[in-house]
Amino acid sequence: MTLTINMLSRLKGVVSEIVLRCPDVPQAGRIEPLADRSARFVEAVQQGARAIDTVPVSTRSTAGAPYRLVVGPGAAVQEGLRVYGEAWWGGIAVEEAIQGSGDSALPFGPYMAAC
């Protein structure tokens, strides 16, 4: 998820806002190097985006998001894309489910899905 947000947040002029909706969870390791290590995941992502002064990352939409990206395996997403990667594969699904084992030590798949 952070890879996708990192890439989208650098598209200033194309992307106007990123709204992050996820459970209140702690950071796993050093997932956002530009944030305080004690910050919760959502706050760490917001701190990272503020540090590089790009597209704002918020938890509430101010403009009404015209398009949704849902990260992770699961059911089809209406009016948006499901984005997921693991092991050696990654990609998107348009109105289709993506099944995944959710267990991968390799980062290549998530990088591909983020791209």
PDB file of N, CA and C in Angstrom:
ATOM      1  N   MET A   1       0.814  -1.183   0.000  1.00  0.00           N
ATOM      2  CA  MET A   1       0.000   0.000   0.000  1.00  0.00           C
ATOM      3  C   MET A   1       0.861   1.250   0.000  1.00  0.00           C
ATOM      4  N   THR A   2       1.922   1.251   0.810  1.00  0.00           N
ATOM      5  CA  THR A   2       2.763   2.441   0.864  1.00  0.00           C
ATOM      6  C   THR A   2       3.455   2.701  -0.470  1.00  0.00           C
ATOM      7  N   LEU A   3       3.757   1.659  -1.216  1.00  0.00           N
ATOM      8  CA  LEU A   3       4.373   1.853  -2.537  1.00  0.00           C
ATOM      9  C   LEU A   3       3.413   2.586  -3.465  1.00  0.00           C
ATOM     10  N   THR A   4       2.158   2.178  -3.464  1.00  0.00           N
ATOM     11  CA  THR A   4       1.149   2.817  -4.311  1.00  0.00           C
ATOM     12  C   THR A   4       0.963   4.269  -3.908  1.00  0.00           C
ATOM     13  N   ILE A   5       0.854   4.533  -2.613  1.00  0.00           N
ATOM     14  CA  ILE A   5       0.679   5.904  -2.140  1.00  0.00           C
ATOM     15  C   ILE A   5       1.901   6.740  -2.478  1.00  0.00           C
ATOM     16  N   ASN A   6       3.090   6.178  -2.297  1.00  0.00           N
ATOM     17  CA  ASN A   6       4.321   6.890  -2.616  1.00  0.00           C
ATOM     18  C   ASN A   6       4.331   7.319  -4.083  1.00  0.00           C
ATOM     19  N   MET A   7       3.960   6.405  -4.972  1.00  0.00           N
ATOM     20  CA  MET A   7       3.964   6.737  -6.400  1.00  0.00           C
ATOM     21  C   MET A   7       2.880   7.752  -6.749  1.00  0.00           C
ATOM     22  N   LEU A   8       1.669   7.562  -6.231  1.00  0.00           N
ATOM     23  CA  LEU A   8       0.575   8.490  -6.523  1.00  0.00           C
ATOM     24  C   LEU A   8       0.855   9.878  -5.961  1.00  0.00           C
ATOM     25  N   SER A   9       1.453   9.938  -4.778  1.00  0.00           N
ATOM     26  CA  SER A   9       1.684  11.236  -4.144  1.00  0.00           C
ATOM     27  C   SER A   9       2.689  12.095  -4.898  1.00  0.00           C
ATOM     28  N   ARG A  10       3.461  11.503  -5.775  1.00  0.00           N
ATOM     29  CA  ARG A  10       4.436  12.261  -6.567  1.00  0.00           C
ATOM     30  C   ARG A  10       3.848  12.775  -7.883  1.00  0.00           C
ATOM     31  N   LEU A  11       2.584  12.482  -8.132  1.00  0.00           N
ATOM     32  CA  LEU A  11       1.936  12.914  -9.380  1.00  0.00           C
ATOM     33  C   LEU A  11       1.166  14.220  -9.206  1.00  0.00           C
ATOM     34  N   LYS A  12       1.798  15.191  -8.561  1.00  0.00           N
ATOM     35  CA  LYS A  12       1.190  16.502  -8.368  1.00  0.00           C
ATOM     36  C   LYS A  12       0.822  17.089  -9.730  1.00  0.00           C
ATOM     37  N   GLY A  13      -0.379  17.589  -9.839  1.00  0.00           N
ATOM     38  CA  GLY A  13      -0.863  18.097 -11.118  1.00  0.00           C
ATOM     39  C   GLY A  13      -1.733  17.085 -11.834  1.00  0.00           C
ATOM     40  N   VAL A  14      -1.568  15.811 -11.509  1.00  0.00           N
ATOM     41  CA  VAL A  14      -2.399  14.739 -12.068  1.00  0.00           C
ATOM     42  C   VAL A  14      -3.331  14.210 -10.979  1.00  0.00           C
ATOM     43  N   VAL A  15      -2.765  13.969  -9.803  1.00  0.00           N
ATOM     44  CA  VAL A  15      -3.530  13.510  -8.646  1.00  0.00           C
ATOM     45  C   VAL A  15      -3.680  14.698  -7.703  1.00  0.00           C
ATOM     46  N   SER A  16      -4.909  14.984  -7.278  1.00  0.00           N
ATOM     47  CA  SER A  16      -5.121  16.149  -6.417  1.00  0.00           C
ATOM     48  C   SER A  16      -5.219  15.783  -4.942  1.00  0.00           C
ATOM     49  N   GLU A  17      -5.610  14.545  -4.648  1.00  0.00           N
ATOM     50  CA  GLU A  17      -5.799  14.156  -3.252  1.00  0.00           C
ATOM     51  C   GLU A  17      -5.728  12.640  -3.140  1.00  0.00           C
ATOM     52  N   ILE A  18      -5.138  12.157  -2.055  1.00  0.00           N
ATOM     53  CA  ILE A  18      -5.115  10.730  -1.755  1.00  0.00           C
ATOM     54  C   ILE A  18      -5.802  10.555  -0.411  1.00  0.00           C
ATOM     55  N   VAL A  19      -6.823   9.720  -0.399  1.00  0.00           N
ATOM     56  CA  VAL A  19      -7.549   9.450   0.842  1.00  0.00           C
ATOM     57  C   VAL A  19      -7.226   8.023   1.264  1.00  0.00           C
ATOM     58  N   LEU A  20      -6.672   7.876   2.442  1.00  0.00           N
ATOM     59  CA  LEU A  20      -6.260   6.583   2.964  1.00  0.00           C
ATOM     60  C   LEU A  20      -7.284   6.110   3.980  1.00  0.00           C
ATOM     61  N   ARG A  21      -7.895   4.979   3.695  1.00  0.00           N
ATOM     62  CA  ARG A  21      -8.857   4.385   4.629  1.00  0.00           C
ATOM     63  C   ARG A  21      -8.363   3.002   4.996  1.00  0.00           C
ATOM     64  N   CYS A  22      -7.948   2.850   6.230  1.00  0.00           N
ATOM     65  CA  CYS A  22      -7.481   1.551   6.712  1.00  0.00           C
ATOM     66  C   CYS A  22      -7.635   1.516   8.222  1.00  0.00           C
ATOM     67  N   PRO A  23      -7.585   0.331   8.800  1.00  0.00           N
ATOM     68  CA  PRO A  23      -7.699   0.226  10.264  1.00  0.00           C
ATOM     69  C   PRO A  23      -6.567   0.962  10.971  1.00  0.00           C
ATOM     70  N   ASP A  24      -6.802   1.336  12.203  1.00  0.00           N
ATOM     71  CA  ASP A  24      -5.780   1.981  13.016  1.00  0.00           C
ATOM     72  C   ASP A  24      -4.797   0.914  13.479  1.00  0.00           C
ATOM     73  N   VAL A  25      -3.689   0.814  12.784  1.00  0.00           N
ATOM     74  CA  VAL A  25      -2.694  -0.217  13.082  1.00  0.00           C
ATOM     75  C   VAL A  25      -1.327   0.427  13.270  1.00  0.00           C
ATOM     76  N   PRO A  26      -0.428  -0.249  13.998  1.00  0.00           N
ATOM     77  CA  PRO A  26       0.924   0.285  14.149  1.00  0.00           C
ATOM     78  C   PRO A  26       1.720   0.108  12.864  1.00  0.00           C
ATOM     79  N   GLN A  27       2.798   0.863  12.751  1.00  0.00           N
ATOM     80  CA  GLN A  27       3.732   0.673  11.640  1.00  0.00           C
ATOM     81  C   GLN A  27       4.414  -0.675  11.785  1.00  0.00           C
ATOM     82  N   ALA A  28       4.609  -1.354  10.700  1.00  0.00           N
ATOM     83  CA  ALA A  28       5.350  -2.616  10.732  1.00  0.00           C
ATOM     84  C   ALA A  28       6.793  -2.314  10.371  1.00  0.00           C
ATOM     85  N   GLY A  29       7.666  -2.354  11.347  1.00  0.00           N
ATOM     86  CA  GLY A  29       9.072  -2.064  11.080  1.00  0.00           C
ATOM     87  C   GLY A  29       9.278  -0.626  10.662  1.00  0.00           C
ATOM     88  N   ARG A  30      10.084  -0.433   9.660  1.00  0.00           N
ATOM     89  CA  ARG A  30      10.414   0.915   9.168  1.00  0.00           C
ATOM     90  C   ARG A  30       9.727   1.135   7.827  1.00  0.00           C
ATOM     91  N   ILE A  31       8.412   1.048   7.829  1.00  0.00           N
ATOM     92  CA  ILE A  31       7.650   1.103   6.591  1.00  0.00           C
ATOM     93  C   ILE A  31       7.681   2.497   5.946  1.00  0.00           C
ATOM     94  N   GLU A  32       7.793   3.542   6.753  1.00  0.00           N
ATOM     95  CA  GLU A  32       7.858   4.908   6.234  1.00  0.00           C
ATOM     96  C   GLU A  32       9.078   5.592   6.841  1.00  0.00           C
ATOM     97  N   PRO A  33      10.189   5.629   6.092  1.00  0.00           N
ATOM     98  CA  PRO A  33      11.441   6.144   6.657  1.00  0.00           C
ATOM     99  C   PRO A  33      11.421   7.620   7.020  1.00  0.00           C
ATOM    100  N   LEU A  34      10.500   8.407   6.473  1.00  0.00           N
ATOM    101  CA  LEU A  34      10.464   9.837   6.767  1.00  0.00           C
ATOM    102  C   LEU A  34       9.551  10.175   7.937  1.00  0.00           C
ATOM    103  N   ALA A  35       9.067   9.157   8.640  1.00  0.00           N
ATOM    104  CA  ALA A  35       8.141   9.380   9.753  1.00  0.00           C
ATOM    105  C   ALA A  35       8.743   8.896  11.061  1.00  0.00           C
ATOM    106  N   ASP A  36       8.166   9.379  12.129  1.00  0.00           N
ATOM    107  CA  ASP A  36       8.531   8.942  13.468  1.00  0.00           C
ATOM    108  C   ASP A  36       8.205   7.456  13.605  1.00  0.00           C
ATOM    109  N   ARG A  37       9.143   6.670  14.102  1.00  0.00           N
ATOM    110  CA  ARG A  37       8.955   5.224  14.224  1.00  0.00           C
ATOM    111  C   ARG A  37       7.802   4.845  15.147  1.00  0.00           C
ATOM    112  N   SER A  38       7.463   5.715  16.079  1.00  0.00           N
ATOM    113  CA  SER A  38       6.382   5.394  17.017  1.00  0.00           C
ATOM    114  C   SER A  38       5.002   5.754  16.459  1.00  0.00           C
ATOM    115  N   ALA A  39       4.950   6.413  15.306  1.00  0.00           N
ATOM    116  CA  ALA A  39       3.672   6.817  14.723  1.00  0.00           C
ATOM    117  C   ALA A  39       2.874   5.611  14.251  1.00  0.00           C
ATOM    118  N   ARG A  40       1.557   5.696  14.357  1.00  0.00           N
ATOM    119  CA  ARG A  40       0.679   4.674  13.809  1.00  0.00           C
ATOM    120  C   ARG A  40       0.796   4.718  12.286  1.00  0.00           C
ATOM    121  N   PHE A  41       0.384   3.665  11.598  1.00  0.00           N
ATOM    122  CA  PHE A  41       0.584   3.530  10.152  1.00  0.00           C
ATOM    123  C   PHE A  41       0.046   4.732   9.360  1.00  0.00           C
ATOM    124  N   VAL A  42      -1.211   5.093   9.571  1.00  0.00           N
ATOM    125  CA  VAL A  42      -1.809   6.184   8.791  1.00  0.00           C
ATOM    126  C   VAL A  42      -1.055   7.481   9.022  1.00  0.00           C
ATOM    127  N   GLU A  43      -0.746   7.791  10.275  1.00  0.00           N
ATOM    128  CA  GLU A  43      -0.012   9.017  10.566  1.00  0.00           C
ATOM    129  C   GLU A  43       1.386   8.980   9.958  1.00  0.00           C
ATOM    130  N   ALA A  44       2.034   7.828   9.957  1.00  0.00           N
ATOM    131  CA  ALA A  44       3.365   7.708   9.354  1.00  0.00           C
ATOM    132  C   ALA A  44       3.310   7.998   7.859  1.00  0.00           C
ATOM    133  N   VAL A  45       2.306   7.486   7.170  1.00  0.00           N
ATOM    134  CA  VAL A  45       2.164   7.750   5.737  1.00  0.00           C
ATOM    135  C   VAL A  45       1.929   9.240   5.504  1.00  0.00           C
ATOM    136  N   GLN A  46       1.104   9.854   6.331  1.00  0.00           N
ATOM    137  CA  GLN A  46       0.856  11.296   6.193  1.00  0.00           C
ATOM    138  C   GLN A  46       2.127  12.098   6.475  1.00  0.00           C
ATOM    139  N   GLN A  47       2.893  11.714   7.488  1.00  0.00           N
ATOM    140  CA  GLN A  47       4.149  12.409   7.785  1.00  0.00           C
ATOM    141  C   GLN A  47       5.121  12.301   6.615  1.00  0.00           C
ATOM    142  N   GLY A  48       5.211  11.123   6.007  1.00  0.00           N
ATOM    143  CA  GLY A  48       6.088  10.941   4.863  1.00  0.00           C
ATOM    144  C   GLY A  48       5.705  11.825   3.692  1.00  0.00           C
ATOM    145  N   ALA A  49       4.416  11.912   3.409  1.00  0.00           N
ATOM    146  CA  ALA A  49       3.944  12.761   2.301  1.00  0.00           C
ATOM    147  C   ALA A  49       4.218  14.234   2.590  1.00  0.00           C
ATOM    148  N   ARG A  50       3.996  14.655   3.822  1.00  0.00           N
ATOM    149  CA  ARG A  50       4.267  16.056   4.178  1.00  0.00           C
ATOM    150  C   ARG A  50       5.756  16.370   4.068  1.00  0.00           C
ATOM    151  N   ALA A  51       6.595  15.411   4.398  1.00  0.00           N
ATOM    152  CA  ALA A  51       8.047  15.633   4.374  1.00  0.00           C
ATOM    153  C   ALA A  51       8.569  15.908   2.973  1.00  0.00           C
ATOM    154  N   ILE A  52       7.938  15.329   1.952  1.00  0.00           N
ATOM    155  CA  ILE A  52       8.403  15.570   0.584  1.00  0.00           C
ATOM    156  C   ILE A  52       7.500  16.551  -0.155  1.00  0.00           C
ATOM    157  N   ASP A  53       6.509  17.116   0.552  1.00  0.00           N
ATOM    158  CA  ASP A  53       5.647  18.182   0.021  1.00  0.00           C
ATOM    159  C   ASP A  53       5.054  17.822  -1.339  1.00  0.00           C
ATOM    160  N   THR A  54       4.243  16.788  -1.345  1.00  0.00           N
ATOM    161  CA  THR A  54       3.617  16.347  -2.585  1.00  0.00           C
ATOM    162  C   THR A  54       2.101  16.415  -2.444  1.00  0.00           C
ATOM    163  N   VAL A  55       1.408  15.554  -3.138  1.00  0.00           N
ATOM    164  CA  VAL A  55      -0.044  15.481  -3.056  1.00  0.00           C
ATOM    165  C   VAL A  55      -0.428  15.145  -1.615  1.00  0.00           C
ATOM    166  N   PRO A  56      -1.389  15.870  -1.035  1.00  0.00           N
ATOM    167  CA  PRO A  56      -1.757  15.591   0.349  1.00  0.00           C
ATOM    168  C   PRO A  56      -2.398  14.212   0.525  1.00  0.00           C
ATOM    169  N   VAL A  57      -2.060  13.577   1.642  1.00  0.00           N
ATOM    170  CA  VAL A  57      -2.655  12.295   2.022  1.00  0.00           C
ATOM    171  C   VAL A  57      -3.503  12.567   3.256  1.00  0.00           C
ATOM    172  N   SER A  58      -4.794  12.277   3.158  1.00  0.00           N
ATOM    173  CA  SER A  58      -5.697  12.526   4.276  1.00  0.00           C
ATOM    174  C   SER A  58      -6.504  11.272   4.591  1.00  0.00           C
ATOM    175  N   THR A  59      -7.299  11.362   5.632  1.00  0.00           N
ATOM    176  CA  THR A  59      -8.172  10.246   5.992  1.00  0.00           C
ATOM    177  C   THR A  59      -9.622  10.550   5.637  1.00  0.00           C
ATOM    178  N   ARG A  60      -9.884  11.748   5.166  1.00  0.00           N
ATOM    179  CA  ARG A  60     -11.228  12.143   4.730  1.00  0.00           C
ATOM    180  C   ARG A  60     -11.134  12.922   3.437  1.00  0.00           C
ATOM    181  N   SER A  61     -12.017  12.601   2.522  1.00  0.00           N
ATOM    182  CA  SER A  61     -12.008  13.277   1.231  1.00  0.00           C
ATOM    183  C   SER A  61     -12.600  14.672   1.363  1.00  0.00           C
ATOM    184  N   THR A  62     -11.953  15.635   0.716  1.00  0.00           N
ATOM    185  CA  THR A  62     -12.495  16.987   0.683  1.00  0.00           C
ATOM    186  C   THR A  62     -13.169  17.268  -0.654  1.00  0.00           C
ATOM    187  N   ALA A  63     -12.804  16.491  -1.665  1.00  0.00           N
ATOM    188  CA  ALA A  63     -13.335  16.736  -3.004  1.00  0.00           C
ATOM    189  C   ALA A  63     -14.249  15.619  -3.499  1.00  0.00           C
ATOM    190  N   GLY A  64     -14.317  14.527  -2.770  1.00  0.00           N
ATOM    191  CA  GLY A  64     -15.089  13.391  -3.268  1.00  0.00           C
ATOM    192  C   GLY A  64     -14.258  12.651  -4.294  1.00  0.00           C
ATOM    193  N   ALA A  65     -13.662  11.546  -3.897  1.00  0.00           N
ATOM    194  CA  ALA A  65     -12.741  10.813  -4.761  1.00  0.00           C
ATOM    195  C   ALA A  65     -13.438  10.309  -6.014  1.00  0.00           C
ATOM    196  N   PRO A  66     -12.944  10.670  -7.189  1.00  0.00           N
ATOM    197  CA  PRO A  66     -13.564  10.200  -8.428  1.00  0.00           C
ATOM    198  C   PRO A  66     -13.163   8.767  -8.781  1.00  0.00           C
ATOM    199  N   TYR A  67     -12.118   8.238  -8.118  1.00  0.00           N
ATOM    200  CA  TYR A  67     -11.662   6.897  -8.463  1.00  0.00           C
ATOM    201  C   TYR A  67     -11.085   6.214  -7.233  1.00  0.00           C
ATOM    202  N   ARG A  68     -11.324   4.919  -7.095  1.00  0.00           N
ATOM    203  CA  ARG A  68     -10.862   4.175  -5.926  1.00  0.00           C
ATOM    204  C   ARG A  68      -9.863   3.102  -6.322  1.00  0.00           C
ATOM    205  N   LEU A  69      -8.814   2.960  -5.527  1.00  0.00           N
ATOM    206  CA  LEU A  69      -7.883   1.834  -5.608  1.00  0.00           C
ATOM    207  C   LEU A  69      -7.997   1.096  -4.279  1.00  0.00           C
ATOM    208  N   VAL A  70      -8.324  -0.177  -4.329  1.00  0.00           N
ATOM    209  CA  VAL A  70      -8.405  -0.986  -3.117  1.00  0.00           C
ATOM    210  C   VAL A  70      -7.222  -1.940  -3.144  1.00  0.00           C
ATOM    211  N   VAL A  71      -6.370  -1.867  -2.123  1.00  0.00           N
ATOM    212  CA  VAL A  71      -5.136  -2.637  -2.086  1.00  0.00           C
ATOM    213  C   VAL A  71      -5.338  -3.924  -1.286  1.00  0.00           C
ATOM    214  N   GLY A  72      -4.911  -5.038  -1.871  1.00  0.00           N
ATOM    215  CA  GLY A  72      -4.984  -6.329  -1.200  1.00  0.00           C
ATOM    216  C   GLY A  72      -5.902  -7.286  -1.942  1.00  0.00           C
ATOM    217  N   PRO A  73      -5.822  -8.574  -1.597  1.00  0.00           N
ATOM    218  CA  PRO A  73      -6.691  -9.547  -2.257  1.00  0.00           C
ATOM    219  C   PRO A  73      -8.124  -9.369  -1.785  1.00  0.00           C
ATOM    220  N   GLY A  74      -9.075  -9.829  -2.597  1.00  0.00           N
ATOM    221  CA  GLY A  74     -10.470  -9.750  -2.180  1.00  0.00           C
ATOM    222  C   GLY A  74     -11.437  -9.677  -3.331  1.00  0.00           C
ATOM    223  N   ALA A  75     -12.646  -9.325  -2.995  1.00  0.00           N
ATOM    224  CA  ALA A  75     -13.756  -9.274  -3.954  1.00  0.00           C
ATOM    225  C   ALA A  75     -13.571  -8.148  -4.972  1.00  0.00           C
ATOM    226  N   ALA A  76     -14.377  -8.209  -6.021  1.00  0.00           N
ATOM    227  CA  ALA A  76     -14.353  -7.182  -7.063  1.00  0.00           C
ATOM    228  C   ALA A  76     -14.686  -5.816  -6.463  1.00  0.00           C
ATOM    229  N   VAL A  77     -14.113  -4.781  -7.045  1.00  0.00           N
ATOM    230  CA  VAL A  77     -14.354  -3.402  -6.618  1.00  0.00           C
ATOM    231  C   VAL A  77     -15.190  -2.719  -7.696  1.00  0.00           C
ATOM    232  N   GLN A  78     -16.313  -2.189  -7.305  1.00  0.00           N
ATOM    233  CA  GLN A  78     -17.142  -1.440  -8.248  1.00  0.00           C
ATOM    234  C   GLN A  78     -16.609  -0.012  -8.346  1.00  0.00           C
ATOM    235  N   GLU A  79     -16.549   0.524  -9.537  1.00  0.00           N
ATOM    236  CA  GLU A  79     -16.079   1.890  -9.782  1.00  0.00           C
ATOM    237  C   GLU A  79     -14.668   2.116  -9.231  1.00  0.00           C
ATOM    238  N   GLY A  80     -13.784   1.194  -9.538  1.00  0.00           N
ATOM    239  CA  GLY A  80     -12.403   1.323  -9.108  1.00  0.00           C
ATOM    240  C   GLY A  80     -11.599   0.108  -9.492  1.00  0.00           C
ATOM    241  N   LEU A  81     -10.415  -0.002  -8.932  1.00  0.00           N
ATOM    242  CA  LEU A  81      -9.516  -1.115  -9.215  1.00  0.00           C
ATOM    243  C   LEU A  81      -9.091  -1.804  -7.924  1.00  0.00           C
ATOM    244  N   ARG A  82      -8.914  -3.106  -7.981  1.00  0.00           N
ATOM    245  CA  ARG A  82      -8.271  -3.844  -6.898  1.00  0.00           C
ATOM    246  C   ARG A  82      -6.812  -3.985  -7.307  1.00  0.00           C
ATOM    247  N   VAL A  83      -5.898  -3.643  -6.421  1.00  0.00           N
ATOM    248  CA  VAL A  83      -4.464  -3.656  -6.685  1.00  0.00           C
ATOM    249  C   VAL A  83      -3.816  -4.603  -5.683  1.00  0.00           C
ATOM    250  N   TYR A  84      -3.035  -5.566  -6.190  1.00  0.00           N
ATOM    251  CA  TYR A  84      -2.419  -6.513  -5.273  1.00  0.00           C
ATOM    252  C   TYR A  84      -1.198  -7.150  -5.907  1.00  0.00           C
ATOM    253  N   GLY A  85      -0.231  -7.493  -5.072  1.00  0.00           N
ATOM    254  CA  GLY A  85       0.948  -8.201  -5.543  1.00  0.00           C
ATOM    255  C   GLY A  85       1.561  -9.013  -4.433  1.00  0.00           C
ATOM    256  N   GLU A  86       2.125 -10.139  -4.802  1.00  0.00           N
ATOM    257  CA  GLU A  86       2.870 -10.965  -3.852  1.00  0.00           C
ATOM    258  C   GLU A  86       3.872 -11.797  -4.638  1.00  0.00           C
ATOM    259  N   ALA A  87       4.885 -12.276  -3.952  1.00  0.00           N
ATOM    260  CA  ALA A  87       5.929 -13.106  -4.571  1.00  0.00           C
ATOM    261  C   ALA A  87       6.434 -12.448  -5.852  1.00  0.00           C
ATOM    262  N   TRP A  88       6.281 -13.140  -6.994  1.00  0.00           N
ATOM    263  CA  TRP A  88       6.810 -12.656  -8.271  1.00  0.00           C
ATOM    264  C   TRP A  88       5.755 -12.022  -9.164  1.00  0.00           C
ATOM    265  N   TRP A  89       4.539 -11.807  -8.676  1.00  0.00           N
ATOM    266  CA  TRP A  89       3.504 -11.245  -9.545  1.00  0.00           C
ATOM    267  C   TRP A  89       2.802 -10.073  -8.865  1.00  0.00           C
ATOM    268  N   GLY A  90       2.234  -9.218  -9.688  1.00  0.00           N
ATOM    269  CA  GLY A  90       1.454  -8.100  -9.177  1.00  0.00           C
ATOM    270  C   GLY A  90       0.632  -7.525 -10.300  1.00  0.00           C
ATOM    271  N   GLY A  91      -0.495  -6.937  -9.967  1.00  0.00           N
ATOM    272  CA  GLY A  91      -1.323  -6.350 -11.009  1.00  0.00           C
ATOM    273  C   GLY A  91      -2.593  -5.747 -10.464  1.00  0.00           C
ATOM    274  N   ILE A  92      -3.514  -5.516 -11.378  1.00  0.00           N
ATOM    275  CA  ILE A  92      -4.791  -4.896 -11.049  1.00  0.00           C
ATOM    276  C   ILE A  92      -5.925  -5.755 -11.592  1.00  0.00           C
ATOM    277  N   ALA A  93      -7.114  -5.555 -11.044  1.00  0.00           N
ATOM    278  CA  ALA A  93      -8.304  -6.230 -11.545  1.00  0.00           C
ATOM    279  C   ALA A  93      -9.416  -5.196 -11.683  1.00  0.00           C
ATOM    280  N   VAL A  94     -10.077  -5.213 -12.813  1.00  0.00           N
ATOM    281  CA  VAL A  94     -11.200  -4.327 -13.065  1.00  0.00           C
ATOM    282  C   VAL A  94     -12.471  -5.154 -12.901  1.00  0.00           C
ATOM    283  N   GLU A  95     -13.220  -4.854 -11.857  1.00  0.00           N
ATOM    284  CA  GLU A  95     -14.482  -5.540 -11.567  1.00  0.00           C
ATOM    285  C   GLU A  95     -14.344  -7.055 -11.487  1.00  0.00           C
ATOM    286  N   GLU A  96     -13.198  -7.535 -10.994  1.00  0.00           N
ATOM    287  CA  GLU A  96     -12.960  -8.953 -10.755  1.00  0.00           C
ATOM    288  C   GLU A  96     -12.253  -9.105  -9.418  1.00  0.00           C
ATOM    289  N   ALA A  97     -12.434 -10.257  -8.800  1.00  0.00           N
ATOM    290  CA  ALA A  97     -11.746 -10.542  -7.539  1.00  0.00           C
ATOM    291  C   ALA A  97     -10.292 -10.923  -7.817  1.00  0.00           C
ATOM    292  N   ILE A  98      -9.453 -10.734  -6.819  1.00  0.00           N
ATOM    293  CA  ILE A  98      -8.076 -11.224  -6.869  1.00  0.00           C
ATOM    294  C   ILE A  98      -7.888 -12.125  -5.657  1.00  0.00           C
ATOM    295  N   GLN A  99      -7.466 -13.332  -5.920  1.00  0.00           N
ATOM    296  CA  GLN A  99      -7.162 -14.273  -4.844  1.00  0.00           C
ATOM    297  C   GLN A  99      -5.665 -14.213  -4.583  1.00  0.00           C
ATOM    298  N   GLY A 100      -5.277 -14.367  -3.364  1.00  0.00           N
ATOM    299  CA  GLY A 100      -3.859 -14.371  -3.032  1.00  0.00           C
ATOM    300  C   GLY A 100      -3.627 -15.131  -1.751  1.00  0.00           C
ATOM    301  N   SER A 101      -2.422 -15.628  -1.587  1.00  0.00           N
ATOM    302  CA  SER A 101      -2.122 -16.357  -0.353  1.00  0.00           C
ATOM    303  C   SER A 101      -1.833 -15.388   0.787  1.00  0.00           C
ATOM    304  N   GLY A 102      -1.419 -14.162   0.429  1.00  0.00           N
ATOM    305  CA  GLY A 102      -1.106 -13.172   1.447  1.00  0.00           C
ATOM    306  C   GLY A 102       0.191 -13.430   2.173  1.00  0.00           C
ATOM    307  N   ASP A 103       0.977 -14.358   1.675  1.00  0.00           N
ATOM    308  CA  ASP A 103       2.221 -14.717   2.343  1.00  0.00           C
ATOM    309  C   ASP A 103       3.366 -14.658   1.346  1.00  0.00           C
ATOM    310  N   SER A 104       4.182 -13.614   1.454  1.00  0.00           N
ATOM    311  CA  SER A 104       5.286 -13.483   0.525  1.00  0.00           C
ATOM    312  C   SER A 104       6.411 -12.690   1.165  1.00  0.00           C
ATOM    313  N   ALA A 105       7.604 -13.221   1.103  1.00  0.00           N
ATOM    314  CA  ALA A 105       8.772 -12.506   1.608  1.00  0.00           C
ATOM    315  C   ALA A 105       9.417 -11.646   0.520  1.00  0.00           C
ATOM    316  N   LEU A 106       8.966 -11.807  -0.738  1.00  0.00           N
ATOM    317  CA  LEU A 106       9.550 -11.078  -1.860  1.00  0.00           C
ATOM    318  C   LEU A 106       8.791  -9.768  -2.110  1.00  0.00           C
ATOM    319  N   PRO A 107       9.491  -8.656  -2.325  1.00  0.00           N
ATOM    320  CA  PRO A 107       8.816  -7.395  -2.564  1.00  0.00           C
ATOM    321  C   PRO A 107       8.474  -7.115  -4.026  1.00  0.00           C
ATOM    322  N   PHE A 108       8.882  -7.990  -4.947  1.00  0.00           N
ATOM    323  CA  PHE A 108       8.706  -7.678  -6.363  1.00  0.00           C
ATOM    324  C   PHE A 108       7.247  -7.536  -6.765  1.00  0.00           C
ATOM    325  N   GLY A 109       6.389  -8.436  -6.335  1.00  0.00           N
ATOM    326  CA  GLY A 109       4.973  -8.382  -6.674  1.00  0.00           C
ATOM    327  C   GLY A 109       4.322  -7.085  -6.237  1.00  0.00           C
ATOM    328  N   PRO A 110       4.496  -6.655  -4.972  1.00  0.00           N
ATOM    329  CA  PRO A 110       3.922  -5.382  -4.566  1.00  0.00           C
ATOM    330  C   PRO A 110       4.454  -4.194  -5.370  1.00  0.00           C
ATOM    331  N   TYR A 111       5.731  -4.214  -5.745  1.00  0.00           N
ATOM    332  CA  TYR A 111       6.265  -3.138  -6.590  1.00  0.00           C
ATOM    333  C   TYR A 111       5.550  -3.130  -7.943  1.00  0.00           C
ATOM    334  N   MET A 112       5.338  -4.301  -8.529  1.00  0.00           N
ATOM    335  CA  MET A 112       4.642  -4.381  -9.822  1.00  0.00           C
ATOM    336  C   MET A 112       3.215  -3.889  -9.699  1.00  0.00           C
ATOM    337  N   ALA A 113       2.514  -4.287  -8.647  1.00  0.00           N
ATOM    338  CA  ALA A 113       1.133  -3.864  -8.453  1.00  0.00           C
ATOM    339  C   ALA A 113       1.068  -2.345  -8.268  1.00  0.00           C
ATOM    340  N   ALA A 114       2.012  -1.784  -7.517  1.00  0.00           N
ATOM    341  CA  ALA A 114       2.027  -0.348  -7.315  1.00  0.00           C
ATOM    342  C   ALA A 114       2.231   0.412  -8.618  1.00  0.00           C
ATOM    343  N   CYS A 115       3.087  -0.127  -9.477  1.00  0.00           N
ATOM    344  CA  CYS A 115       3.313   0.517 -10.774  1.00  0.00           C
ATOM    345  C   CYS A 115       2.068   0.465 -11.630  1.00  0.00           C
TER     346      CYS A 115
END
